[in-house]
Amino acid sequence: MSVPPDTNDSPRASRNHWESLYACDFFAVETLGMFGTVRIMVFFVIELRTRAVHIAGMRASPDGAWMLQIARNLLDPVDQTVVDTPGTTQ
């Protein structure tokens, strides 16, 4: 079964969903602590339509449980869509 060429149009799909496209990643911040340099990992979300950057959380050693909580904080509890303004977590 082949896919018709007009249904696999990435630019059109991007335009259709532009209001709800987000990207996320980490960046590192290094700071001096009492015992030397400490690397803090900052997880951020970019709203592509407005290019607004939201800090979703920061932690010295992010793990799976922390990331799961960040994902829960970013999703609306009722319909599981991205909330308008992600909050900051610890």
Protein backbone atom coordinates (compact mmCIF):
# COMPACT_ATOMS: atom_id res chain seq x y z
CA MET A 1 0.00 0.00 0.00
CA SER A 2 1.48 3.34 -1.01
CA VAL A 3 0.94 6.72 0.64
CA PRO A 4 -0.40 9.45 -1.64
CA PRO A 5 2.25 12.20 -2.03
CA ASP A 6 0.04 14.99 -0.67
CA THR A 7 -0.52 13.26 2.71
CA ASN A 8 3.20 13.18 3.58
CA ASP A 9 3.73 16.94 3.39
CA SER A 10 5.92 17.93 6.36
CA PRO A 11 5.79 21.72 5.77
CA ARG A 12 2.00 21.60 5.59
CA ALA A 13 1.83 19.46 8.73
CA SER A 14 4.12 21.92 10.52
CA ARG A 15 1.88 24.84 9.55
CA ASN A 16 -1.23 22.97 10.66
CA HIS A 17 0.24 22.29 14.11
CA TRP A 18 2.32 25.46 14.52
CA GLU A 19 0.27 26.61 17.54
CA SER A 20 1.22 23.48 19.50
CA LEU A 21 4.83 22.70 18.50
CA TYR A 22 7.39 22.62 21.31
CA ALA A 23 11.02 21.54 21.55
CA CYS A 24 12.95 20.64 24.67
CA ASP A 25 16.54 20.01 25.70
CA PHE A 26 19.10 20.42 28.47
CA PHE A 27 21.91 22.90 28.93
CA ALA A 28 24.53 22.88 31.66
CA VAL A 29 25.41 25.66 34.08
CA GLU A 30 28.63 25.35 36.04
CA THR A 31 28.96 27.19 39.31
CA LEU A 32 31.37 27.20 42.22
CA GLY A 33 30.14 25.53 45.37
CA MET A 34 31.78 24.97 48.73
CA PHE A 35 33.47 21.81 47.46
CA GLY A 36 34.40 22.93 43.96
CA THR A 37 32.63 23.21 40.63
CA VAL A 38 29.04 22.00 40.47
CA ARG A 39 27.32 21.28 37.16
CA ILE A 40 23.58 21.97 37.17
CA MET A 41 21.54 20.56 34.28
CA VAL A 42 18.69 22.85 33.19
CA PHE A 43 15.75 21.37 31.28
CA PHE A 44 13.97 23.90 29.09
CA VAL A 45 11.06 23.99 26.67
CA ILE A 46 10.84 26.27 23.63
CA GLU A 47 7.46 27.26 22.25
CA LEU A 48 8.33 27.35 18.54
CA ARG A 49 5.55 29.73 17.46
CA THR A 50 6.63 32.53 19.82
CA ARG A 51 10.20 31.33 20.50
CA ALA A 52 9.47 31.74 24.21
CA VAL A 53 11.80 29.69 26.42
CA HIS A 54 10.46 28.21 29.66
CA ILE A 55 12.73 26.71 32.30
CA ALA A 56 10.98 23.49 33.29
CA GLY A 57 13.44 22.44 36.00
CA MET A 58 17.04 22.17 37.07
CA ARG A 59 18.96 19.55 38.96
CA ALA A 60 22.54 18.48 39.55
CA SER A 61 21.88 14.88 38.54
CA PRO A 62 18.61 14.43 36.62
CA ASP A 63 17.26 10.89 36.66
CA GLY A 64 14.27 9.06 35.23
CA ALA A 65 11.96 9.78 38.17
CA TRP A 66 12.73 13.49 37.98
CA MET A 67 12.12 13.55 34.22
CA LEU A 68 8.81 11.74 34.70
CA GLN A 69 7.72 14.42 37.18
CA ILE A 70 8.81 17.18 34.76
CA ALA A 71 6.69 15.54 32.03
CA ARG A 72 3.71 15.41 34.39
CA ASN A 73 4.17 19.08 35.26
CA LEU A 74 4.25 20.04 31.56
CA LEU A 75 1.06 18.14 30.67
CA ASP A 76 -2.49 19.16 31.43
CA PRO A 77 -3.94 16.55 33.81
CA VAL A 78 -7.28 16.37 32.00
CA ASP A 79 -6.45 16.10 28.29
CA GLN A 80 -2.68 15.36 28.43
CA THR A 81 -1.73 18.29 26.20
CA VAL A 82 1.11 20.73 26.89
CA VAL A 83 0.08 23.42 29.39
CA ASP A 84 0.31 27.04 28.25
CA THR A 85 3.07 28.07 30.66
CA PRO A 86 5.28 25.31 32.05
CA GLY A 87 6.02 25.84 35.72
CA THR A 88 9.33 25.66 37.51
CA THR A 89 10.00 22.57 39.59
CA GLN A 90 12.64 21.56 42.07
